[in-house]
């Protein structure tokens, strides 16, 4: 922007009072001295659109753009419309409101063709275009960076997913291998156990077969022979015992008879042959010698 219009208000002061003249004089002096804040203070004491306009200019010079904007908007005088629109354009431009500034310059040029107003309009339009281009470029750059970041994140996620899948597959493979090894180990253990069991069973069976064969070969005939010999010995012992018992009984009887004076009579020939046959039937080869019969006289003693 090239300039801000400052409107002189000396004509209207002819209708003002003494205090308006005093305040206007002080305001103009302060404005020329660059004391824009003091000038705005004295301009505010004059109730005229011209004074309001000058106060807006003083606030603009003092870089109080928001207050200046309100002063310019409050001007109703038609003769000040072009200057008001021009200064509104400048004020909007300094506030960064480019669209409102361009609109104010266009309205001012509709009232009057002005070189400064046109220059400011073209300048702002170029700035706006450049800003839009920069905005689009920045937006494209941002979109490009966002897309690159998105692609990067997607690639990283994909790599992480692939690594995770590979890790999962490796873990599954390791688990499968461990399971296969465990199954193989269990199968080998079972096979060894079965083999040991079969070997033990075979050894037990061979041992039993040997024992049975040994019993068949040596045990039963020996036991039978032992039983037969035992039976024969028992019979012989019985036969021998019976004559011994009989002999013992006979000796006891003889002793008793001797004690009481009783004498046994010798056996007859018939009894001797009967006794001989009995011994032969029992398998006892014993020969009895015939005894001569002698008569002996014994005194018979009766116990009673």
C-alpha atoms as a PDB file:
ATOM      1  CA  UNK A   1       0.000   0.000   0.000  1.00  0.00           C
ATOM      2  CA  UNK A   2       1.289   3.415  -0.906  1.00  0.00           C
ATOM      3  CA  UNK A   3      -0.497   5.857   1.363  1.00  0.00           C
ATOM      4  CA  UNK A   4      -3.346   6.609   3.714  1.00  0.00           C
ATOM      5  CA  UNK A   5      -5.526   9.566   2.895  1.00  0.00           C
ATOM      6  CA  UNK A   6      -5.698  12.302   5.544  1.00  0.00           C
ATOM      7  CA  UNK A   7      -8.663  14.582   5.154  1.00  0.00           C
ATOM      8  CA  UNK A   8      -8.502  18.251   6.119  1.00  0.00           C
ATOM      9  CA  UNK A   9     -11.507  19.530   8.002  1.00  0.00           C
ATOM     10  CA  UNK A  10     -10.851  23.285   8.048  1.00  0.00           C
ATOM     11  CA  UNK A  11     -13.954  24.133   6.018  1.00  0.00           C
ATOM     12  CA  UNK A  12     -16.360  22.526   8.467  1.00  0.00           C
ATOM     13  CA  UNK A  13     -14.758  24.236  11.429  1.00  0.00           C
ATOM     14  CA  UNK A  14     -16.495  27.439  10.427  1.00  0.00           C
ATOM     15  CA  UNK A  15     -19.575  25.968  11.991  1.00  0.00           C
ATOM     16  CA  UNK A  16     -17.719  24.635  15.054  1.00  0.00           C
ATOM     17  CA  UNK A  17     -17.246  26.200  18.426  1.00  0.00           C
ATOM     18  CA  UNK A  18     -14.199  27.567  20.207  1.00  0.00           C
ATOM     19  CA  UNK A  19     -13.423  24.207  21.824  1.00  0.00           C
ATOM     20  CA  UNK A  20     -13.589  22.393  18.454  1.00  0.00           C
ATOM     21  CA  UNK A  21     -11.071  24.852  17.084  1.00  0.00           C
ATOM     22  CA  UNK A  22      -8.829  24.338  20.093  1.00  0.00           C
ATOM     23  CA  UNK A  23      -9.016  20.529  19.939  1.00  0.00           C
ATOM     24  CA  UNK A  24      -8.531  20.521  16.180  1.00  0.00           C
ATOM     25  CA  UNK A  25      -5.480  22.747  16.454  1.00  0.00           C
ATOM     26  CA  UNK A  26      -3.949  20.537  19.141  1.00  0.00           C
ATOM     27  CA  UNK A  27      -4.775  17.371  17.136  1.00  0.00           C
ATOM     28  CA  UNK A  28      -3.209  18.637  13.943  1.00  0.00           C
ATOM     29  CA  UNK A  29      -0.095  19.784  15.798  1.00  0.00           C
ATOM     30  CA  UNK A  30       0.303  16.378  17.478  1.00  0.00           C
ATOM     31  CA  UNK A  31      -0.287  14.590  14.154  1.00  0.00           C
ATOM     32  CA  UNK A  32       2.436  16.630  12.418  1.00  0.00           C
ATOM     33  CA  UNK A  33       4.785  15.956  15.308  1.00  0.00           C
ATOM     34  CA  UNK A  34       4.150  12.197  14.911  1.00  0.00           C
ATOM     35  CA  UNK A  35       2.341  11.938  18.238  1.00  0.00           C
ATOM     36  CA  UNK A  36      -0.536   9.993  16.704  1.00  0.00           C
ATOM     37  CA  UNK A  37      -1.928   8.759  19.999  1.00  0.00           C
ATOM     38  CA  UNK A  38      -2.327  12.350  21.291  1.00  0.00           C
ATOM     39  CA  UNK A  39      -3.757  13.433  17.968  1.00  0.00           C
ATOM     40  CA  UNK A  40      -6.360  10.674  18.105  1.00  0.00           C
ATOM     41  CA  UNK A  41      -7.274  11.811  21.616  1.00  0.00           C
ATOM     42  CA  UNK A  42      -8.010  15.395  20.484  1.00  0.00           C
ATOM     43  CA  UNK A  43      -9.770  14.267  17.267  1.00  0.00           C
ATOM     44  CA  UNK A  44     -12.122  12.142  19.393  1.00  0.00           C
ATOM     45  CA  UNK A  45     -13.374  15.300  21.171  1.00  0.00           C
ATOM     46  CA  UNK A  46     -14.798  16.694  17.932  1.00  0.00           C
ATOM     47  CA  UNK A  47     -18.216  15.306  16.919  1.00  0.00           C
ATOM     48  CA  UNK A  48     -17.749  15.475  13.146  1.00  0.00           C
ATOM     49  CA  UNK A  49     -17.295  12.756  10.464  1.00  0.00           C
ATOM     50  CA  UNK A  50     -14.228  14.634   9.262  1.00  0.00           C
ATOM     51  CA  UNK A  51     -12.723  14.502  12.775  1.00  0.00           C
ATOM     52  CA  UNK A  52     -13.722  10.824  13.050  1.00  0.00           C
ATOM     53  CA  UNK A  53     -11.990  10.146   9.745  1.00  0.00           C
ATOM     54  CA  UNK A  54      -8.811  11.946  10.913  1.00  0.00           C
ATOM     55  CA  UNK A  55      -8.918  10.060  14.212  1.00  0.00           C
ATOM     56  CA  UNK A  56      -9.084   6.802  12.206  1.00  0.00           C
ATOM     57  CA  UNK A  57      -6.013   7.890  10.269  1.00  0.00           C
ATOM     58  CA  UNK A  58      -4.152   8.777  13.522  1.00  0.00           C
ATOM     59  CA  UNK A  59      -4.985   5.346  14.979  1.00  0.00           C
ATOM     60  CA  UNK A  60      -3.861   3.701  11.709  1.00  0.00           C
ATOM     61  CA  UNK A  61      -0.541   5.567  11.925  1.00  0.00           C
ATOM     62  CA  UNK A  62      -0.262   4.468  15.534  1.00  0.00           C
ATOM     63  CA  UNK A  63      -0.753   0.850  14.250  1.00  0.00           C
ATOM     64  CA  UNK A  64      -3.946   0.453  16.174  1.00  0.00           C
ATOM     65  CA  UNK A  65      -5.690  -1.153  13.193  1.00  0.00           C
ATOM     66  CA  UNK A  66      -8.702  -2.571  14.960  1.00  0.00           C
ATOM     67  CA  UNK A  67      -9.633   0.838  16.476  1.00  0.00           C
ATOM     68  CA  UNK A  68      -8.962   2.576  13.163  1.00  0.00           C
ATOM     69  CA  UNK A  69     -11.222   0.077  11.385  1.00  0.00           C
ATOM     70  CA  UNK A  70     -14.103   0.927  13.723  1.00  0.00           C
ATOM     71  CA  UNK A  71     -13.608   4.692  13.164  1.00  0.00           C
ATOM     72  CA  UNK A  72     -13.680   4.288   9.349  1.00  0.00           C
ATOM     73  CA  UNK A  73     -16.775   2.088   9.444  1.00  0.00           C
ATOM     74  CA  UNK A  74     -18.658   4.749  11.483  1.00  0.00           C
ATOM     75  CA  UNK A  75     -18.349   7.480   8.858  1.00  0.00           C
ATOM     76  CA  UNK A  76     -21.678   8.335   7.156  1.00  0.00           C
ATOM     77  CA  UNK A  77     -20.703  11.358   5.109  1.00  0.00           C
ATOM     78  CA  UNK A  78     -21.149  10.570   1.365  1.00  0.00           C
ATOM     79  CA  UNK A  79     -18.379  12.936   0.359  1.00  0.00           C
ATOM     80  CA  UNK A  80     -15.920  10.844   2.372  1.00  0.00           C
ATOM     81  CA  UNK A  81     -17.042   7.475   0.917  1.00  0.00           C
ATOM     82  CA  UNK A  82     -14.105   6.983  -1.489  1.00  0.00           C
ATOM     83  CA  UNK A  83     -11.517   7.961   1.118  1.00  0.00           C
ATOM     84  CA  UNK A  84     -13.280   5.761   3.697  1.00  0.00           C
ATOM     85  CA  UNK A  85     -13.225   2.708   1.342  1.00  0.00           C
ATOM     86  CA  UNK A  86      -9.638   3.334   0.390  1.00  0.00           C
ATOM     87  CA  UNK A  87      -8.521   3.514   4.018  1.00  0.00           C
ATOM     88  CA  UNK A  88     -10.678   0.449   4.891  1.00  0.00           C
ATOM     89  CA  UNK A  89      -8.745  -1.445   2.195  1.00  0.00           C
ATOM     90  CA  UNK A  90      -5.445  -0.392   3.767  1.00  0.00           C
ATOM     91  CA  UNK A  91      -6.630  -1.278   7.248  1.00  0.00           C
ATOM     92  CA  UNK A  92      -7.955  -4.720   6.207  1.00  0.00           C
ATOM     93  CA  UNK A  93      -4.680  -5.406   4.375  1.00  0.00           C
ATOM     94  CA  UNK A  94      -2.643  -4.689   7.523  1.00  0.00           C
ATOM     95  CA  UNK A  95      -4.957  -6.941   9.551  1.00  0.00           C
ATOM     96  CA  UNK A  96      -4.260  -9.768   7.060  1.00  0.00           C
ATOM     97  CA  UNK A  97      -7.832  -9.784   5.759  1.00  0.00           C
ATOM     98  CA  UNK A  98      -6.913  -9.827   2.066  1.00  0.00           C
ATOM     99  CA  UNK A  99     -10.346 -10.620   0.661  1.00  0.00           C
ATOM    100  CA  UNK A 100     -12.012  -7.723   2.567  1.00  0.00           C
ATOM    101  CA  UNK A 101      -9.197  -5.404   1.506  1.00  0.00           C
ATOM    102  CA  UNK A 102      -9.584  -6.348  -2.169  1.00  0.00           C
ATOM    103  CA  UNK A 103     -13.348  -5.867  -1.903  1.00  0.00           C
ATOM    104  CA  UNK A 104     -12.881  -2.382  -0.381  1.00  0.00           C
ATOM    105  CA  UNK A 105     -10.446  -1.324  -3.130  1.00  0.00           C
ATOM    106  CA  UNK A 106     -12.820  -2.525  -5.835  1.00  0.00           C
ATOM    107  CA  UNK A 107     -15.695  -0.522  -4.329  1.00  0.00           C
ATOM    108  CA  UNK A 108     -13.469   2.545  -4.085  1.00  0.00           C
ATOM    109  CA  UNK A 109     -12.458   2.228  -7.780  1.00  0.00           C
ATOM    110  CA  UNK A 110     -16.115   1.981  -8.690  1.00  0.00           C
ATOM    111  CA  UNK A 111     -16.552   5.480  -7.258  1.00  0.00           C
ATOM    112  CA  UNK A 112     -13.375   6.920  -8.717  1.00  0.00           C
ATOM    113  CA  UNK A 113     -10.416   5.697 -10.701  1.00  0.00           C
ATOM    114  CA  UNK A 114      -7.393   6.114  -8.531  1.00  0.00           C
ATOM    115  CA  UNK A 115      -3.843   5.027  -9.330  1.00  0.00           C
ATOM    116  CA  UNK A 116      -2.946   4.196  -5.727  1.00  0.00           C
ATOM    117  CA  UNK A 117      -6.139   2.246  -5.139  1.00  0.00           C
ATOM    118  CA  UNK A 118      -5.571   0.237  -8.348  1.00  0.00           C
ATOM    119  CA  UNK A 119      -1.948  -0.393  -7.498  1.00  0.00           C
ATOM    120  CA  UNK A 120      -2.923  -1.666  -4.032  1.00  0.00           C
ATOM    121  CA  UNK A 121      -5.666  -3.844  -5.535  1.00  0.00           C
ATOM    122  CA  UNK A 122      -3.329  -5.447  -8.075  1.00  0.00           C
ATOM    123  CA  UNK A 123      -0.676  -5.935  -5.445  1.00  0.00           C
ATOM    124  CA  UNK A 124      -3.096  -7.703  -3.090  1.00  0.00           C
ATOM    125  CA  UNK A 125      -4.495  -9.846  -5.897  1.00  0.00           C
ATOM    126  CA  UNK A 126      -0.964 -10.984  -6.774  1.00  0.00           C
ATOM    127  CA  UNK A 127      -0.264 -11.652  -3.128  1.00  0.00           C
ATOM    128  CA  UNK A 128      -3.480 -13.618  -2.868  1.00  0.00           C
ATOM    129  CA  UNK A 129      -2.646 -15.649  -5.972  1.00  0.00           C
ATOM    130  CA  UNK A 130       0.842 -16.277  -4.744  1.00  0.00           C
ATOM    131  CA  UNK A 131      -0.506 -17.182  -1.366  1.00  0.00           C
ATOM    132  CA  UNK A 132      -2.971 -19.588  -2.927  1.00  0.00           C
ATOM    133  CA  UNK A 133      -0.186 -21.085  -5.013  1.00  0.00           C
ATOM    134  CA  UNK A 134       1.975 -21.380  -1.962  1.00  0.00           C
ATOM    135  CA  UNK A 135      -0.959 -22.819  -0.093  1.00  0.00           C
ATOM    136  CA  UNK A 136      -1.596 -25.322  -2.848  1.00  0.00           C
ATOM    137  CA  UNK A 137       2.102 -26.084  -3.067  1.00  0.00           C
ATOM    138  CA  UNK A 138       2.283 -26.423   0.689  1.00  0.00           C
ATOM    139  CA  UNK A 139      -0.837 -28.522   0.653  1.00  0.00           C
ATOM    140  CA  UNK A 140       0.609 -30.675  -2.093  1.00  0.00           C
ATOM    141  CA  UNK A 141       3.828 -30.896  -0.161  1.00  0.00           C
ATOM    142  CA  UNK A 142       1.911 -31.790   2.977  1.00  0.00           C
ATOM    143  CA  UNK A 143      -0.132 -34.342   1.078  1.00  0.00           C
ATOM    144  CA  UNK A 144       3.040 -35.724  -0.423  1.00  0.00           C
ATOM    145  CA  UNK A 145       4.684 -35.939   2.978  1.00  0.00           C
ATOM    146  CA  UNK A 146       1.563 -37.466   4.440  1.00  0.00           C
ATOM    147  CA  UNK A 147       1.439 -39.987   1.617  1.00  0.00           C
ATOM    148  CA  UNK A 148       5.127 -40.754   2.010  1.00  0.00           C
ATOM    149  CA  UNK A 149       4.665 -41.109   5.741  1.00  0.00           C
ATOM    150  CA  UNK A 150       1.636 -43.279   5.143  1.00  0.00           C
ATOM    151  CA  UNK A 151       3.545 -45.408   2.633  1.00  0.00           C
ATOM    152  CA  UNK A 152       6.451 -45.634   5.037  1.00  0.00           C
ATOM    153  CA  UNK A 153       4.200 -46.669   7.891  1.00  0.00           C
ATOM    154  CA  UNK A 154       2.394 -49.105   5.624  1.00  0.00           C
ATOM    155  CA  UNK A 155       5.712 -50.573   4.518  1.00  0.00           C
ATOM    156  CA  UNK A 156       6.928 -50.781   8.099  1.00  0.00           C
ATOM    157  CA  UNK A 157       3.653 -52.379   9.162  1.00  0.00           C
ATOM    158  CA  UNK A 158       3.923 -54.788   6.276  1.00  0.00           C
ATOM    159  CA  UNK A 159       7.505 -55.630   7.195  1.00  0.00           C
ATOM    160  CA  UNK A 160       6.519 -56.035  10.814  1.00  0.00           C
ATOM    161  CA  UNK A 161       3.607 -58.220   9.772  1.00  0.00           C
ATOM    162  CA  UNK A 162       5.876 -60.294   7.566  1.00  0.00           C
ATOM    163  CA  UNK A 163       8.400 -60.601  10.368  1.00  0.00           C
ATOM    164  CA  UNK A 164       5.628 -61.526  12.765  1.00  0.00           C
ATOM    165  CA  UNK A 165       4.290 -64.104  10.305  1.00  0.00           C
ATOM    166  CA  UNK A 166       7.771 -65.497   9.802  1.00  0.00           C
ATOM    167  CA  UNK A 167       8.299 -65.607  13.545  1.00  0.00           C
ATOM    168  CA  UNK A 168       4.947 -67.329  14.019  1.00  0.00           C
ATOM    169  CA  UNK A 169       5.776 -69.821  11.284  1.00  0.00           C
ATOM    170  CA  UNK A 170       9.189 -70.415  12.832  1.00  0.00           C
ATOM    171  CA  UNK A 171       7.604 -70.903  16.242  1.00  0.00           C
ATOM    172  CA  UNK A 172       5.037 -73.280  14.788  1.00  0.00           C
ATOM    173  CA  UNK A 173       7.792 -75.157  12.970  1.00  0.00           C
ATOM    174  CA  UNK A 174       9.843 -75.364  16.146  1.00  0.00           C
ATOM    175  CA  UNK A 175       6.848 -76.573  18.099  1.00  0.00           C
ATOM    176  CA  UNK A 176       6.104 -79.121  15.389  1.00  0.00           C
ATOM    177  CA  UNK A 177       9.703 -80.296  15.399  1.00  0.00           C
ATOM    178  CA  UNK A 178       9.678 -80.544  19.179  1.00  0.00           C
ATOM    179  CA  UNK A 179       6.412 -82.440  19.035  1.00  0.00           C
ATOM    180  CA  UNK A 180       7.793 -84.776  16.381  1.00  0.00           C
ATOM    181  CA  UNK A 181      10.949 -85.313  18.427  1.00  0.00           C
ATOM    182  CA  UNK A 182       8.856 -85.969  21.512  1.00  0.00           C
ATOM    183  CA  UNK A 183       6.646 -88.402  19.596  1.00  0.00           C
ATOM    184  CA  UNK A 184       9.717 -90.111  18.171  1.00  0.00           C
ATOM    185  CA  UNK A 185      11.264 -90.296  21.626  1.00  0.00           C
ATOM    186  CA  UNK A 186       8.047 -91.706  23.051  1.00  0.00           C
ATOM    187  CA  UNK A 187       7.864 -94.214  20.209  1.00  0.00           C
ATOM    188  CA  UNK A 188      11.481 -95.256  20.798  1.00  0.00           C
ATOM    189  CA  UNK A 189      10.850 -95.522  24.534  1.00  0.00           C
ATOM    190  CA  UNK A 190       7.747 -97.618  23.929  1.00  0.00           C
ATOM    191  CA  UNK A 191       9.651 -99.741  21.443  1.00  0.00           C
ATOM    192  CA  UNK A 192      12.500-100.248  23.898  1.00  0.00           C
ATOM    193  CA  UNK A 193      10.040-101.047  26.672  1.00  0.00           C
ATOM    194  CA  UNK A 194       8.218-103.520  24.457  1.00  0.00           C
ATOM    195  CA  UNK A 195      11.523-105.021  23.367  1.00  0.00           C
ATOM    196  CA  UNK A 196      12.672-105.335  26.967  1.00  0.00           C
ATOM    197  CA  UNK A 197       9.309-106.764  27.936  1.00  0.00           C
ATOM    198  CA  UNK A 198       9.432-109.264  25.080  1.00  0.00           C
ATOM    199  CA  UNK A 199      12.995-110.184  26.039  1.00  0.00           C
ATOM    200  CA  UNK A 200      12.000-110.563  29.678  1.00  0.00           C
ATOM    201  CA  UNK A 201       8.943-112.610  28.708  1.00  0.00           C
ATOM    202  CA  UNK A 202      11.082-114.741  26.421  1.00  0.00           C
ATOM    203  CA  UNK A 203      13.650-115.290  29.160  1.00  0.00           C
ATOM    204  CA  UNK A 204      10.911-116.141  31.642  1.00  0.00           C
ATOM    205  CA  UNK A 205       9.342-118.515  29.141  1.00  0.00           C
ATOM    206  CA  UNK A 206      12.685-120.173  28.390  1.00  0.00           C
ATOM    207  CA  UNK A 207      13.322-120.466  32.094  1.00  0.00           C
ATOM    208  CA  UNK A 208       9.902-121.997  32.628  1.00  0.00           C
ATOM    209  CA  UNK A 209      10.414-124.364  29.678  1.00  0.00           C
ATOM    210  CA  UNK A 210      13.803-125.404  31.050  1.00  0.00           C
ATOM    211  CA  UNK A 211      12.293-125.938  34.469  1.00  0.00           C
ATOM    212  CA  UNK A 212       9.433-127.979  33.051  1.00  0.00           C
ATOM    213  CA  UNK A 213      11.799-130.031  30.878  1.00  0.00           C
ATOM    214  CA  UNK A 214      14.038-130.590  33.853  1.00  0.00           C
ATOM    215  CA  UNK A 215      11.084-131.670  35.978  1.00  0.00           C
ATOM    216  CA  UNK A 216       9.907-134.036  33.246  1.00  0.00           C
ATOM    217  CA  UNK A 217      13.362-135.488  32.781  1.00  0.00           C
ATOM    218  CA  UNK A 218      14.515-135.842  36.345  1.00  0.00           C
ATOM    219  CA  UNK A 219      11.762-134.925  38.710  1.00  0.00           C
ATOM    220  CA  UNK A 220       8.841-137.242  38.094  1.00  0.00           C
ATOM    221  CA  UNK A 221      10.646-140.610  37.542  1.00  0.00           C
ATOM    222  CA  UNK A 222      12.880-139.917  40.479  1.00  0.00           C
ATOM    223  CA  UNK A 223       9.924-139.053  42.643  1.00  0.00           C
ATOM    224  CA  UNK A 224       8.051-142.119  41.437  1.00  0.00           C
ATOM    225  CA  UNK A 225      11.093-144.295  42.023  1.00  0.00           C
ATOM    226  CA  UNK A 226      11.509-142.649  45.363  1.00  0.00           C
ATOM    227  CA  UNK A 227       7.876-143.342  46.157  1.00  0.00           C
ATOM    228  CA  UNK A 228       8.205-146.950  44.978  1.00  0.00           C
ATOM    229  CA  UNK A 229      11.378-147.478  46.957  1.00  0.00           C
ATOM    230  CA  UNK A 230       9.797-145.709  49.853  1.00  0.00           C
ATOM    231  CA  UNK A 231       6.779-148.007  49.627  1.00  0.00           C
ATOM    232  CA  UNK A 232       8.954-151.070  49.432  1.00  0.00           C
ATOM    233  CA  UNK A 233      11.092-149.880  52.315  1.00  0.00           C
ATOM    234  CA  UNK A 234       7.971-149.085  54.290  1.00  0.00           C
ATOM    235  CA  UNK A 235       6.650-152.581  53.617  1.00  0.00           C
ATOM    236  CA  UNK A 236       9.971-154.168  54.527  1.00  0.00           C
ATOM    237  CA  UNK A 237      10.187-152.037  57.638  1.00  0.00           C
ATOM    238  CA  UNK A 238       6.639-152.969  58.470  1.00  0.00           C
ATOM    239  CA  UNK A 239       7.373-156.652  57.930  1.00  0.00           C
ATOM    240  CA  UNK A 240      10.561-156.388  59.928  1.00  0.00           C
ATOM    241  CA  UNK A 241       8.798-154.358  62.555  1.00  0.00           C
ATOM    242  CA  UNK A 242       5.976-156.822  62.878  1.00  0.00           C
ATOM    243  CA  UNK A 243       8.264-159.793  63.691  1.00  0.00           C
ATOM    244  CA  UNK A 244      10.219-157.458  65.898  1.00  0.00           C
ATOM    245  CA  UNK A 245       7.086-156.359  67.638  1.00  0.00           C
ATOM    246  CA  UNK A 246       5.940-159.919  67.859  1.00  0.00           C
ATOM    247  CA  UNK A 247       9.347-160.959  69.085  1.00  0.00           C
ATOM    248  CA  UNK A 248       9.283-158.142  71.589  1.00  0.00           C
ATOM    249  CA  UNK A 249       5.867-159.134  72.727  1.00  0.00           C
ATOM    250  CA  UNK A 250       6.971-162.731  72.913  1.00  0.00           C
ATOM    251  CA  UNK A 251      10.019-161.793  74.949  1.00  0.00           C
ATOM    252  CA  UNK A 252       7.813-159.773  77.248  1.00  0.00           C
ATOM    253  CA  UNK A 253       5.497-162.725  77.558  1.00  0.00           C
ATOM    254  CA  UNK A 254       8.424-165.090  78.158  1.00  0.00           C
ATOM    255  CA  UNK A 255       9.772-162.778  80.757  1.00  0.00           C
ATOM    256  CA  UNK A 256       6.368-162.580  82.304  1.00  0.00           C
ATOM    257  CA  UNK A 257       6.008-166.327  82.172  1.00  0.00           C
ATOM    258  CA  UNK A 258       9.420-166.748  83.663  1.00  0.00           C
ATOM    259  CA  UNK A 259       8.413-164.402  86.413  1.00  0.00           C
ATOM    260  CA  UNK A 260       5.306-166.380  87.037  1.00  0.00           C
ATOM    261  CA  UNK A 261       6.758-169.793  86.073  1.00  0.00           C
ATOM    262  CA  UNK A 262       4.918-170.035  82.718  1.00  0.00           C
ATOM    263  CA  UNK A 263       6.688-171.745  79.763  1.00  0.00           C
ATOM    264  CA  UNK A 264       5.740-171.045  76.021  1.00  0.00           C
ATOM    265  CA  UNK A 265       5.045-173.968  73.856  1.00  0.00           C
ATOM    266  CA  UNK A 266       6.920-174.291  70.537  1.00  0.00           C
ATOM    267  CA  UNK A 267       4.994-173.647  67.216  1.00  0.00           C
ATOM    268  CA  UNK A 268       3.794-176.587  65.231  1.00  0.00           C
ATOM    269  CA  UNK A 269       4.940-177.512  61.727  1.00  0.00           C
ATOM    270  CA  UNK A 270       1.748-176.195  60.215  1.00  0.00           C
ATOM    271  CA  UNK A 271       2.165-172.840  61.847  1.00  0.00           C
ATOM    272  CA  UNK A 272       5.774-172.723  60.739  1.00  0.00           C
ATOM    273  CA  UNK A 273       4.854-173.338  57.080  1.00  0.00           C
ATOM    274  CA  UNK A 274       2.056-170.737  57.268  1.00  0.00           C
ATOM    275  CA  UNK A 275       4.478-168.160  58.640  1.00  0.00           C
ATOM    276  CA  UNK A 276       7.020-168.968  55.923  1.00  0.00           C
ATOM    277  CA  UNK A 277       4.453-168.415  53.148  1.00  0.00           C
ATOM    278  CA  UNK A 278       3.432-165.062  54.673  1.00  0.00           C
ATOM    279  CA  UNK A 279       7.023-163.826  54.679  1.00  0.00           C
ATOM    280  CA  UNK A 280       7.548-164.911  51.052  1.00  0.00           C
ATOM    281  CA  UNK A 281       4.411-163.010  49.926  1.00  0.00           C
ATOM    282  CA  UNK A 282       5.767-159.828  51.531  1.00  0.00           C
ATOM    283  CA  UNK A 283       9.069-160.153  49.720  1.00  0.00           C
ATOM    284  CA  UNK A 284      11.110-160.917  52.774  1.00  0.00           C
ATOM    285  CA  UNK A 285      13.515-163.761  52.094  1.00  0.00           C
ATOM    286  CA  UNK A 286      13.833-165.258  55.484  1.00  0.00           C
ATOM    287  CA  UNK A 287      14.388-168.863  56.187  1.00  0.00           C
ATOM    288  CA  UNK A 288      13.171-170.450  59.328  1.00  0.00           C
ATOM    289  CA  UNK A 289      15.223-173.239  60.720  1.00  0.00           C
ATOM    290  CA  UNK A 290      13.268-176.078  62.187  1.00  0.00           C
ATOM    291  CA  UNK A 291      13.722-176.412  65.888  1.00  0.00           C
ATOM    292  CA  UNK A 292      13.945-179.668  67.759  1.00  0.00           C
ATOM    293  CA  UNK A 293      11.194-180.165  70.176  1.00  0.00           C
ATOM    294  CA  UNK A 294      12.466-180.630  73.618  1.00  0.00           C
ATOM    295  CA  UNK A 295      10.367-181.080  76.546  1.00  0.00           C
ATOM    296  CA  UNK A 296      11.274-179.088  79.470  1.00  0.00           C
ATOM    297  CA  UNK A 297       9.649-179.227  82.770  1.00  0.00           C
ATOM    298  CA  UNK A 298       8.810-175.911  84.221  1.00  0.00           C
ATOM    299  CA  UNK A 299       6.963-175.339  87.261  1.00  0.00           C
ATOM    300  CA  UNK A 300       3.873-173.550  86.364  1.00  0.00           C
ATOM    301  CA  UNK A 301       3.359-170.553  88.508  1.00  0.00           C
ATOM    302  CA  UNK A 302       0.026-168.889  88.452  1.00  0.00           C
ATOM    303  CA  UNK A 303      -0.012-165.167  89.270  1.00  0.00           C
ATOM    304  CA  UNK A 304      -3.151-165.501  91.160  1.00  0.00           C
END
